[in-house]
Structure formats: C-alpha cells, structure tokens
Amino acid sequence: MVQLSCCASEVIGDRSLTVDSVVIDPIDVVRDLGVLLDSEVMMKPHINKLVSTCFYHLRRLRQLKRHVNRDVMKQLVSALILSRIDY
C-alpha cells in the first residue's frame, strides 16, 4: 500500500512529496499529451517550442521554392499551418 506523507511545512517550504521512501521533487515544465505546461500554467514553453518548430519547417520549405511551382508551395505552407492549428 502506498502512503503519502507530507506536512504543511514540506508543502510550503521545499514543495517536495514523499511517497513510501521516495522523494519526488517538483519541476518547472511538464509535457502532457505533447503540450508543454510550466508551473504558472502560462504555456510559454509550449508556444516557444511551437514557434521554433514552425520557423524550422518554413526555412526547409524555402529550400524547395525553386524546385516546385507556386501552387504546390501554397499547398505545402497551408498543410504546415493547418496541421499546427489542428494539433
């Protein structure tokens, strides 16, 4: 049986949790279902990662610009944007 033992001083002070004899320390950012959440629930790490990933893919698409026509490029950019919005 797992026993949780923490008192008010533990929660307020160091914010760690002891389960059986294992100490669990809190972290600043956690990933849940692909979404990065920080301790303030502002999603700033998630937004930064998303913007970074999109810029990377846009730079890669720019390399294809001279190899495909304009309509194909529009479809590729639209697919990138819509896939990120849907996610």
PDB file of N, CA and C in Angstrom:
ATOM      1  N   MET A   1       0.838  -1.176   0.000  1.00  0.00           N
ATOM      2  CA  MET A   1       0.000   0.000   0.000  1.00  0.00           C
ATOM      3  C   MET A   1       0.888   1.246   0.000  1.00  0.00           C
ATOM      4  N   VAL A   2       0.575   2.206  -0.812  1.00  0.00           N
ATOM      5  CA  VAL A   2       1.341   3.441  -0.909  1.00  0.00           C
ATOM      6  C   VAL A   2       0.792   4.451   0.076  1.00  0.00           C
ATOM      7  N   GLN A   3       1.671   5.007   0.869  1.00  0.00           N
ATOM      8  CA  GLN A   3       1.264   6.021   1.828  1.00  0.00           C
ATOM      9  C   GLN A   3       1.875   7.349   1.445  1.00  0.00           C
ATOM     10  N   LEU A   4       1.072   8.349   1.413  1.00  0.00           N
ATOM     11  CA  LEU A   4       1.550   9.694   1.144  1.00  0.00           C
ATOM     12  C   LEU A   4       1.819  10.367   2.477  1.00  0.00           C
ATOM     13  N   SER A   5       3.008  10.882   2.603  1.00  0.00           N
ATOM     14  CA  SER A   5       3.310  11.582   3.849  1.00  0.00           C
ATOM     15  C   SER A   5       3.899  12.938   3.520  1.00  0.00           C
ATOM     16  N   CYS A   6       3.160  13.945   3.822  1.00  0.00           N
ATOM     17  CA  CYS A   6       3.689  15.292   3.688  1.00  0.00           C
ATOM     18  C   CYS A   6       2.962  16.155   4.701  1.00  0.00           C
ATOM     19  N   CYS A   7       3.649  17.121   5.176  1.00  0.00           N
ATOM     20  CA  CYS A   7       3.026  18.014   6.133  1.00  0.00           C
ATOM     21  C   CYS A   7       3.032  19.418   5.563  1.00  0.00           C
ATOM     22  N   ALA A   8       2.398  20.348   6.246  1.00  0.00           N
ATOM     23  CA  ALA A   8       2.279  21.715   5.729  1.00  0.00           C
ATOM     24  C   ALA A   8       3.638  22.357   5.527  1.00  0.00           C
ATOM     25  N   SER A   9       4.594  22.078   6.383  1.00  0.00           N
ATOM     26  CA  SER A   9       5.911  22.700   6.230  1.00  0.00           C
ATOM     27  C   SER A   9       6.626  22.168   4.997  1.00  0.00           C
ATOM     28  N   GLU A  10       6.415  20.875   4.669  1.00  0.00           N
ATOM     29  CA  GLU A  10       7.030  20.326   3.459  1.00  0.00           C
ATOM     30  C   GLU A  10       6.427  20.959   2.212  1.00  0.00           C
ATOM     31  N   VAL A  11       5.121  21.086   2.186  1.00  0.00           N
ATOM     32  CA  VAL A  11       4.448  21.621   1.011  1.00  0.00           C
ATOM     33  C   VAL A  11       4.797  23.095   0.803  1.00  0.00           C
ATOM     34  N   ILE A  12       4.806  23.865   1.854  1.00  0.00           N
ATOM     35  CA  ILE A  12       5.095  25.289   1.741  1.00  0.00           C
ATOM     36  C   ILE A  12       6.582  25.529   1.507  1.00  0.00           C
ATOM     37  N   GLY A  13       7.444  24.781   2.199  1.00  0.00           N
ATOM     38  CA  GLY A  13       8.880  25.013   2.134  1.00  0.00           C
ATOM     39  C   GLY A  13       9.511  24.560   0.839  1.00  0.00           C
ATOM     40  N   ASP A  14       9.817  23.283   0.731  1.00  0.00           N
ATOM     41  CA  ASP A  14      10.565  22.805  -0.427  1.00  0.00           C
ATOM     42  C   ASP A  14       9.674  22.221  -1.522  1.00  0.00           C
ATOM     43  N   ARG A  15       8.395  22.082  -1.282  1.00  0.00           N
ATOM     44  CA  ARG A  15       7.407  21.615  -2.249  1.00  0.00           C
ATOM     45  C   ARG A  15       7.693  20.219  -2.785  1.00  0.00           C
ATOM     46  N   SER A  16       8.422  19.409  -2.040  1.00  0.00           N
ATOM     47  CA  SER A  16       8.656  18.033  -2.461  1.00  0.00           C
ATOM     48  C   SER A  16       7.616  17.126  -1.818  1.00  0.00           C
ATOM     49  N   LEU A  17       7.470  15.946  -2.362  1.00  0.00           N
ATOM     50  CA  LEU A  17       6.474  14.988  -1.893  1.00  0.00           C
ATOM     51  C   LEU A  17       7.181  13.669  -1.639  1.00  0.00           C
ATOM     52  N   THR A  18       6.874  13.021  -0.533  1.00  0.00           N
ATOM     53  CA  THR A  18       7.471  11.738  -0.215  1.00  0.00           C
ATOM     54  C   THR A  18       6.424  10.645  -0.365  1.00  0.00           C
ATOM     55  N   VAL A  19       6.711   9.672  -1.227  1.00  0.00           N
ATOM     56  CA  VAL A  19       5.837   8.513  -1.427  1.00  0.00           C
ATOM     57  C   VAL A  19       6.653   7.286  -1.063  1.00  0.00           C
ATOM     58  N   ASP A  20       6.187   6.520  -0.073  1.00  0.00           N
ATOM     59  CA  ASP A  20       6.946   5.410   0.532  1.00  0.00           C
ATOM     60  C   ASP A  20       8.279   5.947   1.027  1.00  0.00           C
ATOM     61  N   SER A  21       9.332   5.816   0.450  1.00  0.00           N
ATOM     62  CA  SER A  21      10.568   6.450   0.915  1.00  0.00           C
ATOM     63  C   SER A  21      11.232   7.189  -0.236  1.00  0.00           C
ATOM     64  N   VAL A  22      10.466   7.455  -1.271  1.00  0.00           N
ATOM     65  CA  VAL A  22      10.979   8.128  -2.453  1.00  0.00           C
ATOM     66  C   VAL A  22      10.543   9.588  -2.412  1.00  0.00           C
ATOM     67  N   VAL A  23      11.492  10.485  -2.565  1.00  0.00           N
ATOM     68  CA  VAL A  23      11.200  11.913  -2.571  1.00  0.00           C
ATOM     69  C   VAL A  23      11.000  12.363  -4.018  1.00  0.00           C
ATOM     70  N   ILE A  24       9.864  12.973  -4.267  1.00  0.00           N
ATOM     71  CA  ILE A  24       9.531  13.474  -5.597  1.00  0.00           C
ATOM     72  C   ILE A  24       9.625  14.986  -5.557  1.00  0.00           C
ATOM     73  N   ASP A  25      10.548  15.535  -6.369  1.00  0.00           N
ATOM     74  CA  ASP A  25      10.746  16.977  -6.428  1.00  0.00           C
ATOM     75  C   ASP A  25       9.937  17.567  -7.589  1.00  0.00           C
ATOM     76  N   PRO A  26       9.361  18.746  -7.407  1.00  0.00           N
ATOM     77  CA  PRO A  26       8.616  19.381  -8.500  1.00  0.00           C
ATOM     78  C   PRO A  26       9.575  19.894  -9.581  1.00  0.00           C
ATOM     79  N   ILE A  27       9.061  20.018 -10.794  1.00  0.00           N
ATOM     80  CA  ILE A  27       9.845  20.565 -11.895  1.00  0.00           C
ATOM     81  C   ILE A  27       9.115  21.763 -12.472  1.00  0.00           C
ATOM     82  N   ASP A  28       9.818  22.562 -13.260  1.00  0.00           N
ATOM     83  CA  ASP A  28       9.234  23.788 -13.800  1.00  0.00           C
ATOM     84  C   ASP A  28       8.330  23.541 -15.000  1.00  0.00           C
ATOM     85  N   VAL A  29       8.679  22.551 -15.845  1.00  0.00           N
ATOM     86  CA  VAL A  29       7.912  22.312 -17.073  1.00  0.00           C
ATOM     87  C   VAL A  29       7.610  20.824 -17.184  1.00  0.00           C
ATOM     88  N   VAL A  30       6.379  20.513 -17.593  1.00  0.00           N
ATOM     89  CA  VAL A  30       5.971  19.126 -17.791  1.00  0.00           C
ATOM     90  C   VAL A  30       5.285  19.013 -19.153  1.00  0.00           C
ATOM     91  N   ARG A  31       5.463  17.853 -19.805  1.00  0.00           N
ATOM     92  CA  ARG A  31       4.810  17.607 -21.090  1.00  0.00           C
ATOM     93  C   ARG A  31       3.677  16.616 -20.868  1.00  0.00           C
ATOM     94  N   ASP A  32       2.474  16.992 -21.296  1.00  0.00           N
ATOM     95  CA  ASP A  32       1.312  16.124 -21.177  1.00  0.00           C
ATOM     96  C   ASP A  32       0.588  16.134 -22.517  1.00  0.00           C
ATOM     97  N   LEU A  33       0.493  14.973 -23.149  1.00  0.00           N
ATOM     98  CA  LEU A  33      -0.122  14.837 -24.465  1.00  0.00           C
ATOM     99  C   LEU A  33       0.500  15.794 -25.482  1.00  0.00           C
ATOM    100  N   GLY A  34       1.805  16.010 -25.384  1.00  0.00           N
ATOM    101  CA  GLY A  34       2.511  16.855 -26.331  1.00  0.00           C
ATOM    102  C   GLY A  34       2.473  18.336 -26.021  1.00  0.00           C
ATOM    103  N   VAL A  35       1.768  18.728 -24.998  1.00  0.00           N
ATOM    104  CA  VAL A  35       1.668  20.138 -24.624  1.00  0.00           C
ATOM    105  C   VAL A  35       2.604  20.393 -23.451  1.00  0.00           C
ATOM    106  N   LEU A  36       3.443  21.419 -23.582  1.00  0.00           N
ATOM    107  CA  LEU A  36       4.355  21.790 -22.508  1.00  0.00           C
ATOM    108  C   LEU A  36       3.668  22.794 -21.594  1.00  0.00           C
ATOM    109  N   LEU A  37       3.580  22.465 -20.321  1.00  0.00           N
ATOM    110  CA  LEU A  37       2.971  23.359 -19.337  1.00  0.00           C
ATOM    111  C   LEU A  37       4.014  23.743 -18.308  1.00  0.00           C
ATOM    112  N   ASP A  38       4.088  25.037 -17.991  1.00  0.00           N
ATOM    113  CA  ASP A  38       5.011  25.471 -16.956  1.00  0.00           C
ATOM    114  C   ASP A  38       4.291  25.544 -15.623  1.00  0.00           C
ATOM    115  N   SER A  39       5.034  25.852 -14.583  1.00  0.00           N
ATOM    116  CA  SER A  39       4.464  25.844 -13.240  1.00  0.00           C
ATOM    117  C   SER A  39       3.427  26.945 -13.038  1.00  0.00           C
ATOM    118  N   GLU A  40       3.426  27.955 -13.888  1.00  0.00           N
ATOM    119  CA  GLU A  40       2.446  29.036 -13.797  1.00  0.00           C
ATOM    120  C   GLU A  40       1.280  28.847 -14.766  1.00  0.00           C
ATOM    121  N   VAL A  41       1.250  27.739 -15.483  1.00  0.00           N
ATOM    122  CA  VAL A  41       0.225  27.374 -16.465  1.00  0.00           C
ATOM    123  C   VAL A  41       0.043  28.484 -17.507  1.00  0.00           C
ATOM    124  N   MET A  42       1.147  29.041 -17.960  1.00  0.00           N
ATOM    125  CA  MET A  42       1.105  30.096 -18.973  1.00  0.00           C
ATOM    126  C   MET A  42       1.373  29.550 -20.377  1.00  0.00           C
ATOM    127  N   MET A  43       1.835  28.317 -20.502  1.00  0.00           N
ATOM    128  CA  MET A  43       2.131  27.656 -21.768  1.00  0.00           C
ATOM    129  C   MET A  43       3.234  28.358 -22.562  1.00  0.00           C
ATOM    130  N   LYS A  44       4.028  29.181 -21.919  1.00  0.00           N
ATOM    131  CA  LYS A  44       5.105  29.882 -22.608  1.00  0.00           C
ATOM    132  C   LYS A  44       6.116  28.912 -23.228  1.00  0.00           C
ATOM    133  N   PRO A  45       6.548  27.843 -22.523  1.00  0.00           N
ATOM    134  CA  PRO A  45       7.467  26.890 -23.166  1.00  0.00           C
ATOM    135  C   PRO A  45       6.852  26.219 -24.391  1.00  0.00           C
ATOM    136  N   HIS A  46       5.550  25.925 -24.322  1.00  0.00           N
ATOM    137  CA  HIS A  46       4.878  25.283 -25.455  1.00  0.00           C
ATOM    138  C   HIS A  46       4.840  26.218 -26.662  1.00  0.00           C
ATOM    139  N   ILE A  47       4.522  27.465 -26.437  1.00  0.00           N
ATOM    140  CA  ILE A  47       4.456  28.436 -27.531  1.00  0.00           C
ATOM    141  C   ILE A  47       5.838  28.650 -28.132  1.00  0.00           C
ATOM    142  N   ASN A  48       6.869  28.760 -27.294  1.00  0.00           N
ATOM    143  CA  ASN A  48       8.230  28.930 -27.796  1.00  0.00           C
ATOM    144  C   ASN A  48       8.665  27.736 -28.642  1.00  0.00           C
ATOM    145  N   LYS A  49       8.354  26.532 -28.189  1.00  0.00           N
ATOM    146  CA  LYS A  49       8.707  25.322 -28.937  1.00  0.00           C
ATOM    147  C   LYS A  49       7.941  25.261 -30.250  1.00  0.00           C
ATOM    148  N   LEU A  50       6.672  25.611 -30.238  1.00  0.00           N
ATOM    149  CA  LEU A  50       5.853  25.599 -31.444  1.00  0.00           C
ATOM    150  C   LEU A  50       6.370  26.599 -32.472  1.00  0.00           C
ATOM    151  N   VAL A  51       6.700  27.812 -32.033  1.00  0.00           N
ATOM    152  CA  VAL A  51       7.221  28.832 -32.945  1.00  0.00           C
ATOM    153  C   VAL A  51       8.554  28.387 -33.523  1.00  0.00           C
ATOM    154  N   SER A  52       9.411  27.831 -32.691  1.00  0.00           N
ATOM    155  CA  SER A  52      10.711  27.356 -33.156  1.00  0.00           C
ATOM    156  C   SER A  52      10.566  26.260 -34.210  1.00  0.00           C
ATOM    157  N   THR A  53       9.666  25.329 -33.958  1.00  0.00           N
ATOM    158  CA  THR A  53       9.428  24.243 -34.909  1.00  0.00           C
ATOM    159  C   THR A  53       8.871  24.769 -36.233  1.00  0.00           C
ATOM    160  N   CYS A  54       7.953  25.717 -36.164  1.00  0.00           N
ATOM    161  CA  CYS A  54       7.366  26.273 -37.387  1.00  0.00           C
ATOM    162  C   CYS A  54       8.406  27.034 -38.199  1.00  0.00           C
ATOM    163  N   PHE A  55       9.258  27.819 -37.546  1.00  0.00           N
ATOM    164  CA  PHE A  55      10.318  28.520 -38.268  1.00  0.00           C
ATOM    165  C   PHE A  55      11.269  27.531 -38.937  1.00  0.00           C
ATOM    166  N   TYR A  56      11.578  26.451 -38.254  1.00  0.00           N
ATOM    167  CA  TYR A  56      12.433  25.423 -38.842  1.00  0.00           C
ATOM    168  C   TYR A  56      11.805  24.871 -40.123  1.00  0.00           C
ATOM    169  N   HIS A  57      10.535  24.506 -40.071  1.00  0.00           N
ATOM    170  CA  HIS A  57       9.871  23.931 -41.239  1.00  0.00           C
ATOM    171  C   HIS A  57       9.713  24.956 -42.366  1.00  0.00           C
ATOM    172  N   LEU A  58       9.473  26.213 -42.016  1.00  0.00           N
ATOM    173  CA  LEU A  58       9.382  27.244 -43.051  1.00  0.00           C
ATOM    174  C   LEU A  58      10.725  27.449 -43.749  1.00  0.00           C
ATOM    175  N   ARG A  59      11.810  27.398 -43.005  1.00  0.00           N
ATOM    176  CA  ARG A  59      13.137  27.503 -43.636  1.00  0.00           C
ATOM    177  C   ARG A  59      13.388  26.320 -44.559  1.00  0.00           C
ATOM    178  N   ARG A  60      12.946  25.135 -44.157  1.00  0.00           N
ATOM    179  CA  ARG A  60      13.103  23.948 -45.016  1.00  0.00           C
ATOM    180  C   ARG A  60      12.244  24.073 -46.275  1.00  0.00           C
ATOM    181  N   LEU A  61      11.038  24.610 -46.142  1.00  0.00           N
ATOM    182  CA  LEU A  61      10.176  24.802 -47.306  1.00  0.00           C
ATOM    183  C   LEU A  61      10.776  25.825 -48.271  1.00  0.00           C
ATOM    184  N   ARG A  62      11.455  26.821 -47.731  1.00  0.00           N
ATOM    185  CA  ARG A  62      12.079  27.829 -48.585  1.00  0.00           C
ATOM    186  C   ARG A  62      13.122  27.201 -49.512  1.00  0.00           C
ATOM    187  N   GLN A  63      13.768  26.144 -49.065  1.00  0.00           N
ATOM    188  CA  GLN A  63      14.747  25.452 -49.903  1.00  0.00           C
ATOM    189  C   GLN A  63      14.088  24.762 -51.087  1.00  0.00           C
ATOM    190  N   LEU A  64      12.818  24.423 -50.951  1.00  0.00           N
ATOM    191  CA  LEU A  64      12.093  23.766 -52.049  1.00  0.00           C
ATOM    192  C   LEU A  64      11.526  24.755 -53.061  1.00  0.00           C
ATOM    193  N   LYS A  65      11.569  26.021 -52.743  1.00  0.00           N
ATOM    194  CA  LYS A  65      10.894  27.049 -53.527  1.00  0.00           C
ATOM    195  C   LYS A  65      11.264  27.015 -55.012  1.00  0.00           C
ATOM    196  N   ARG A  66      12.508  26.810 -55.324  1.00  0.00           N
ATOM    197  CA  ARG A  66      12.906  26.827 -56.745  1.00  0.00           C
ATOM    198  C   ARG A  66      12.663  25.503 -57.450  1.00  0.00           C
ATOM    199  N   HIS A  67      12.290  24.462 -56.703  1.00  0.00           N
ATOM    200  CA  HIS A  67      12.070  23.144 -57.293  1.00  0.00           C
ATOM    201  C   HIS A  67      10.596  22.821 -57.538  1.00  0.00           C
ATOM    202  N   VAL A  68       9.690  23.567 -56.932  1.00  0.00           N
ATOM    203  CA  VAL A  68       8.256  23.321 -57.114  1.00  0.00           C
ATOM    204  C   VAL A  68       7.577  24.617 -57.537  1.00  0.00           C
ATOM    205  N   ASN A  69       6.410  24.477 -58.163  1.00  0.00           N
ATOM    206  CA  ASN A  69       5.710  25.687 -58.610  1.00  0.00           C
ATOM    207  C   ASN A  69       4.969  26.354 -57.444  1.00  0.00           C
ATOM    208  N   ARG A  70       4.410  27.499 -57.706  1.00  0.00           N
ATOM    209  CA  ARG A  70       3.789  28.326 -56.666  1.00  0.00           C
ATOM    210  C   ARG A  70       2.589  27.641 -56.008  1.00  0.00           C
ATOM    211  N   ASP A  71       1.773  26.950 -56.805  1.00  0.00           N
ATOM    212  CA  ASP A  71       0.599  26.278 -56.246  1.00  0.00           C
ATOM    213  C   ASP A  71       0.984  25.170 -55.259  1.00  0.00           C
ATOM    214  N   VAL A  72       2.011  24.415 -55.604  1.00  0.00           N
ATOM    215  CA  VAL A  72       2.474  23.357 -54.700  1.00  0.00           C
ATOM    216  C   VAL A  72       3.021  23.969 -53.415  1.00  0.00           C
ATOM    217  N   MET A  73       3.752  25.080 -53.534  1.00  0.00           N
ATOM    218  CA  MET A  73       4.287  25.749 -52.350  1.00  0.00           C
ATOM    219  C   MET A  73       3.160  26.250 -51.452  1.00  0.00           C
ATOM    220  N   LYS A  74       2.101  26.795 -52.049  1.00  0.00           N
ATOM    221  CA  LYS A  74       0.946  27.242 -51.256  1.00  0.00           C
ATOM    222  C   LYS A  74       0.326  26.076 -50.491  1.00  0.00           C
ATOM    223  N   GLN A  75       0.209  24.925 -51.158  1.00  0.00           N
ATOM    224  CA  GLN A  75      -0.370  23.758 -50.504  1.00  0.00           C
ATOM    225  C   GLN A  75       0.506  23.268 -49.358  1.00  0.00           C
ATOM    226  N   LEU A  76       1.826  23.297 -49.556  1.00  0.00           N
ATOM    227  CA  LEU A  76       2.733  22.850 -48.505  1.00  0.00           C
ATOM    228  C   LEU A  76       2.680  23.774 -47.281  1.00  0.00           C
ATOM    229  N   VAL A  77       2.669  25.071 -47.521  1.00  0.00           N
ATOM    230  CA  VAL A  77       2.591  26.022 -46.414  1.00  0.00           C
ATOM    231  C   VAL A  77       1.244  25.902 -45.704  1.00  0.00           C
ATOM    232  N   SER A  78       0.179  25.758 -46.462  1.00  0.00           N
ATOM    233  CA  SER A  78      -1.150  25.587 -45.859  1.00  0.00           C
ATOM    234  C   SER A  78      -1.213  24.313 -45.021  1.00  0.00           C
ATOM    235  N   ALA A  79      -0.620  23.238 -45.513  1.00  0.00           N
ATOM    236  CA  ALA A  79      -0.611  21.978 -44.764  1.00  0.00           C
ATOM    237  C   ALA A  79       0.164  22.135 -43.452  1.00  0.00           C
ATOM    238  N   LEU A  80       1.285  22.867 -43.499  1.00  0.00           N
ATOM    239  CA  LEU A  80       2.058  23.099 -42.278  1.00  0.00           C
ATOM    240  C   LEU A  80       1.241  23.884 -41.260  1.00  0.00           C
ATOM    241  N   ILE A  81       0.638  24.963 -41.702  1.00  0.00           N
ATOM    242  CA  ILE A  81      -0.129  25.824 -40.786  1.00  0.00           C
ATOM    243  C   ILE A  81      -1.344  25.091 -40.237  1.00  0.00           C
ATOM    244  N   LEU A  82      -2.092  24.425 -41.100  1.00  0.00           N
ATOM    245  CA  LEU A  82      -3.307  23.734 -40.647  1.00  0.00           C
ATOM    246  C   LEU A  82      -2.979  22.571 -39.707  1.00  0.00           C
ATOM    247  N   SER A  83      -1.877  21.892 -39.958  1.00  0.00           N
ATOM    248  CA  SER A  83      -1.528  20.773 -39.063  1.00  0.00           C
ATOM    249  C   SER A  83      -1.175  21.290 -37.671  1.00  0.00           C
ATOM    250  N   ARG A  84      -0.551  22.460 -37.593  1.00  0.00           N
ATOM    251  CA  ARG A  84      -0.201  23.032 -36.285  1.00  0.00           C
ATOM    252  C   ARG A  84      -1.432  23.589 -35.585  1.00  0.00           C
ATOM    253  N   ILE A  85      -2.359  24.159 -36.332  1.00  0.00           N
ATOM    254  CA  ILE A  85      -3.588  24.688 -35.739  1.00  0.00           C
ATOM    255  C   ILE A  85      -4.459  23.550 -35.243  1.00  0.00           C
ATOM    256  N   ASP A  86      -4.585  22.488 -36.033  1.00  0.00           N
ATOM    257  CA  ASP A  86      -5.405  21.337 -35.641  1.00  0.00           C
ATOM    258  C   ASP A  86      -4.839  20.657 -34.414  1.00  0.00           C
ATOM    259  N   TYR A  87      -3.516  20.620 -34.296  1.00  0.00           N
ATOM    260  CA  TYR A  87      -2.914  19.929 -33.175  1.00  0.00           C
ATOM    261  C   TYR A  87      -3.165  20.703 -31.905  1.00  0.00           C
TER     262      TYR A  87
END
